[in-house]
Amino acid sequence: MSNFPRHGKARSIKSGLRRQCPSCERANIFAGYLKLKPTCPQCAAPIGDIRADDFPPYLTILIVGHIVVPLLVLVEINFHPSTLFQMIFWPAIALTLALTLLPILKGAVVGFMWSIDMKGDEQY
C-alpha cells in the first residue's frame, strides 16, 4: 500500500465521503452497496485490503440518533402527533437516514485508514 500516493487526512476523508479512491480521487471504490472493489480501477490501489469493520455502522448510529431523537422530541412537544404516526414516521426516517449515510461513512473511514496506511488487520 505504501507505493501509492497519500494525501492528508482531511483530503482522504473528503474523497472517501464522495465514495472515491483516496489515492487518485477519481474512481468509485465500491463494487456494490458496501462492498469495496479489490483495487481502484483508475490507479490500481489495493482498496479492497482495507477492513473498516464496525466503525462505519457505529458512526451511522451515532449520527442518526443525534438527528432523529431531538427531532422526535421537538415534534412530540410542539405538535402531539398520534402514536400511530410516531410508530410509522420515525422508524422510516431513521432507516432512510441510516441506509443513506452508511456507504458514505464507510467511504470516509476507508479514506482515513488509507491516509494513515492502516489496513484494519494490525496486531499490537
C-alpha atoms as a PDB file:
ATOM      1  CA  MET A   1       0.000   0.000   0.000  1.00  0.00           C
ATOM      2  CA  SER A   2       2.884   2.385   0.574  1.00  0.00           C
ATOM      3  CA  ASN A   3       3.753   2.742  -3.160  1.00  0.00           C
ATOM      4  CA  PHE A   4       0.619   4.769  -3.835  1.00  0.00           C
ATOM      5  CA  PRO A   5       0.243   8.497  -3.175  1.00  0.00           C
ATOM      6  CA  ARG A   6      -1.034   9.545   0.237  1.00  0.00           C
ATOM      7  CA  HIS A   7      -2.806  12.796   0.864  1.00  0.00           C
ATOM      8  CA  GLY A   8      -3.642  14.491   4.137  1.00  0.00           C
ATOM      9  CA  LYS A   9      -6.284  13.020   6.411  1.00  0.00           C
ATOM     10  CA  ALA A  10      -8.908  15.655   5.594  1.00  0.00           C
ATOM     11  CA  ARG A  11      -8.421  15.261   1.844  1.00  0.00           C
ATOM     12  CA  SER A  12      -8.596  11.454   2.056  1.00  0.00           C
ATOM     13  CA  ILE A  13     -11.736  11.589   4.206  1.00  0.00           C
ATOM     14  CA  LYS A  14     -13.291  14.054   1.751  1.00  0.00           C
ATOM     15  CA  SER A  15     -12.620  11.750  -1.204  1.00  0.00           C
ATOM     16  CA  GLY A  16     -13.997   8.853   0.853  1.00  0.00           C
ATOM     17  CA  LEU A  17     -17.176  10.817   1.580  1.00  0.00           C
ATOM     18  CA  ARG A  18     -17.586  11.091  -2.191  1.00  0.00           C
ATOM     19  CA  ARG A  19     -17.022   7.297  -2.374  1.00  0.00           C
ATOM     20  CA  GLN A  20     -13.911   7.865  -4.493  1.00  0.00           C
ATOM     21  CA  CYS A  21     -10.446   6.376  -4.282  1.00  0.00           C
ATOM     22  CA  PRO A  22      -8.394   8.168  -1.608  1.00  0.00           C
ATOM     23  CA  SER A  23      -5.256   7.729  -3.731  1.00  0.00           C
ATOM     24  CA  CYS A  24      -6.258   9.058  -7.171  1.00  0.00           C
ATOM     25  CA  GLU A  25      -9.506  10.750  -6.043  1.00  0.00           C
ATOM     26  CA  ARG A  26     -11.239   9.826  -9.300  1.00  0.00           C
ATOM     27  CA  ALA A  27     -12.682   6.309  -9.424  1.00  0.00           C
ATOM     28  CA  ASN A  28     -15.561   4.864  -7.401  1.00  0.00           C
ATOM     29  CA  ILE A  29     -14.219   2.404  -4.802  1.00  0.00           C
ATOM     30  CA  PHE A  30     -17.461   0.479  -4.227  1.00  0.00           C
ATOM     31  CA  ALA A  31     -18.457  -2.638  -6.175  1.00  0.00           C
ATOM     32  CA  GLY A  32     -21.883  -2.682  -4.519  1.00  0.00           C
ATOM     33  CA  TYR A  33     -23.742  -1.006  -1.693  1.00  0.00           C
ATOM     34  CA  LEU A  34     -20.970  -1.610   0.880  1.00  0.00           C
ATOM     35  CA  LYS A  35     -18.547  -3.966  -0.869  1.00  0.00           C
ATOM     36  CA  LEU A  36     -15.232  -2.416  -1.824  1.00  0.00           C
ATOM     37  CA  LYS A  37     -13.604  -3.161  -5.155  1.00  0.00           C
ATOM     38  CA  PRO A  38     -10.399  -5.209  -4.766  1.00  0.00           C
ATOM     39  CA  THR A  39      -8.387  -2.451  -6.453  1.00  0.00           C
ATOM     40  CA  CYS A  40      -9.087   1.025  -7.733  1.00  0.00           C
ATOM     41  CA  PRO A  41      -9.990   0.774 -11.439  1.00  0.00           C
ATOM     42  CA  GLN A  42      -8.107   4.010 -12.155  1.00  0.00           C
ATOM     43  CA  CYS A  43      -4.812   3.696 -10.234  1.00  0.00           C
ATOM     44  CA  ALA A  44      -4.855   0.025  -9.062  1.00  0.00           C
ATOM     45  CA  ALA A  45      -4.517   0.994  -5.382  1.00  0.00           C
ATOM     46  CA  PRO A  46      -5.405  -2.032  -3.188  1.00  0.00           C
ATOM     47  CA  ILE A  47      -8.532  -0.527  -1.626  1.00  0.00           C
ATOM     48  CA  GLY A  48     -10.147  -3.928  -1.061  1.00  0.00           C
ATOM     49  CA  ASP A  49      -7.497  -4.800   1.544  1.00  0.00           C
ATOM     50  CA  ILE A  50      -8.818  -2.155   3.954  1.00  0.00           C
ATOM     51  CA  ARG A  51     -11.177  -3.505   6.625  1.00  0.00           C
ATOM     52  CA  ALA A  52     -13.373  -0.808   8.135  1.00  0.00           C
ATOM     53  CA  ASP A  53     -15.330  -3.429  10.162  1.00  0.00           C
ATOM     54  CA  ASP A  54     -17.752  -1.986  12.747  1.00  0.00           C
ATOM     55  CA  PHE A  55     -16.746   1.665  12.784  1.00  0.00           C
ATOM     56  CA  PRO A  56     -18.975   2.892   9.882  1.00  0.00           C
ATOM     57  CA  PRO A  57     -22.147   1.382  11.429  1.00  0.00           C
ATOM     58  CA  TYR A  58     -21.176   2.853  14.810  1.00  0.00           C
ATOM     59  CA  LEU A  59     -20.782   6.316  13.269  1.00  0.00           C
ATOM     60  CA  THR A  60     -24.047   5.885  11.379  1.00  0.00           C
ATOM     61  CA  ILE A  61     -25.990   5.008  14.531  1.00  0.00           C
ATOM     62  CA  LEU A  62     -24.374   7.899  16.397  1.00  0.00           C
ATOM     63  CA  ILE A  63     -25.257  10.453  13.715  1.00  0.00           C
ATOM     64  CA  VAL A  64     -28.768   9.139  13.005  1.00  0.00           C
ATOM     65  CA  GLY A  65     -29.551   9.061  16.727  1.00  0.00           C
ATOM     66  CA  HIS A  66     -28.373  12.641  17.157  1.00  0.00           C
ATOM     67  CA  ILE A  67     -30.603  13.750  14.291  1.00  0.00           C
ATOM     68  CA  VAL A  68     -33.753  11.691  14.900  1.00  0.00           C
ATOM     69  CA  VAL A  69     -34.106  11.829  18.696  1.00  0.00           C
ATOM     70  CA  PRO A  70     -34.083  15.643  19.050  1.00  0.00           C
ATOM     71  CA  LEU A  71     -36.498  15.952  16.120  1.00  0.00           C
ATOM     72  CA  LEU A  72     -38.785  13.339  17.665  1.00  0.00           C
ATOM     73  CA  VAL A  73     -38.815  15.199  20.980  1.00  0.00           C
ATOM     74  CA  LEU A  74     -39.460  18.573  19.308  1.00  0.00           C
ATOM     75  CA  VAL A  75     -42.328  17.176  17.242  1.00  0.00           C
ATOM     76  CA  GLU A  76     -43.836  15.460  20.294  1.00  0.00           C
ATOM     77  CA  ILE A  77     -43.639  18.602  22.447  1.00  0.00           C
ATOM     78  CA  ASN A  78     -44.930  21.032  19.810  1.00  0.00           C
ATOM     79  CA  PHE A  79     -47.465  19.015  17.800  1.00  0.00           C
ATOM     80  CA  HIS A  80     -48.525  15.980  19.896  1.00  0.00           C
ATOM     81  CA  PRO A  81     -48.950  13.595  16.931  1.00  0.00           C
ATOM     82  CA  SER A  82     -50.714  10.270  17.315  1.00  0.00           C
ATOM     83  CA  THR A  83     -48.837   7.207  18.466  1.00  0.00           C
ATOM     84  CA  LEU A  84     -49.513   5.514  15.131  1.00  0.00           C
ATOM     85  CA  PHE A  85     -47.853   8.410  13.300  1.00  0.00           C
ATOM     86  CA  GLN A  86     -44.832   8.218  15.612  1.00  0.00           C
ATOM     87  CA  MET A  87     -44.539   4.446  15.133  1.00  0.00           C
ATOM     88  CA  ILE A  88     -44.589   4.730  11.341  1.00  0.00           C
ATOM     89  CA  PHE A  89     -42.801   8.022  10.649  1.00  0.00           C
ATOM     90  CA  TRP A  90     -39.704   7.934  12.884  1.00  0.00           C
ATOM     91  CA  PRO A  91     -38.516   4.394  12.091  1.00  0.00           C
ATOM     92  CA  ALA A  92     -38.912   5.187   8.383  1.00  0.00           C
ATOM     93  CA  ILE A  93     -36.862   8.380   8.764  1.00  0.00           C
ATOM     94  CA  ALA A  94     -34.185   6.618  10.836  1.00  0.00           C
ATOM     95  CA  LEU A  95     -33.937   3.725   8.371  1.00  0.00           C
ATOM     96  CA  THR A  96     -33.710   6.051   5.375  1.00  0.00           C
ATOM     97  CA  LEU A  97     -31.009   8.144   7.037  1.00  0.00           C
ATOM     98  CA  ALA A  98     -29.046   5.067   8.120  1.00  0.00           C
ATOM     99  CA  LEU A  99     -29.149   3.447   4.687  1.00  0.00           C
ATOM    100  CA  THR A 100     -28.124   6.718   3.062  1.00  0.00           C
ATOM    101  CA  LEU A 101     -25.274   7.521   5.457  1.00  0.00           C
ATOM    102  CA  LEU A 102     -23.741   4.053   5.848  1.00  0.00           C
ATOM    103  CA  PRO A 103     -21.896   3.814   2.484  1.00  0.00           C
ATOM    104  CA  ILE A 104     -20.857   7.469   2.699  1.00  0.00           C
ATOM    105  CA  LEU A 105     -19.380   6.990   6.167  1.00  0.00           C
ATOM    106  CA  LYS A 106     -17.721   3.726   5.142  1.00  0.00           C
ATOM    107  CA  GLY A 107     -16.019   5.640   2.332  1.00  0.00           C
ATOM    108  CA  ALA A 108     -14.846   8.259   4.829  1.00  0.00           C
ATOM    109  CA  VAL A 109     -13.469   5.595   7.196  1.00  0.00           C
ATOM    110  CA  VAL A 110     -11.685   3.845   4.314  1.00  0.00           C
ATOM    111  CA  GLY A 111     -10.237   7.201   3.223  1.00  0.00           C
ATOM    112  CA  PHE A 112      -8.996   7.923   6.739  1.00  0.00           C
ATOM    113  CA  MET A 113      -7.489   4.457   7.082  1.00  0.00           C
ATOM    114  CA  TRP A 114      -5.779   4.904   3.703  1.00  0.00           C
ATOM    115  CA  SER A 115      -4.284   8.235   4.816  1.00  0.00           C
ATOM    116  CA  ILE A 116      -2.614   6.645   7.859  1.00  0.00           C
ATOM    117  CA  ASP A 117      -1.568   3.476   5.975  1.00  0.00           C
ATOM    118  CA  MET A 118      -3.809   1.236   8.063  1.00  0.00           C
ATOM    119  CA  LYS A 119      -5.452  -1.932   6.721  1.00  0.00           C
ATOM    120  CA  GLY A 120      -7.502  -2.916   9.765  1.00  0.00           C
ATOM    121  CA  ASP A 121      -5.662  -6.161  10.486  1.00  0.00           C
ATOM    122  CA  GLU A 122      -2.829  -4.712  12.567  1.00  0.00           C
ATOM    123  CA  GLN A 123      -1.778  -6.618  15.678  1.00  0.00           C
ATOM    124  CA  TYR A 124      -0.441  -4.716  18.670  1.00  0.00           C
END
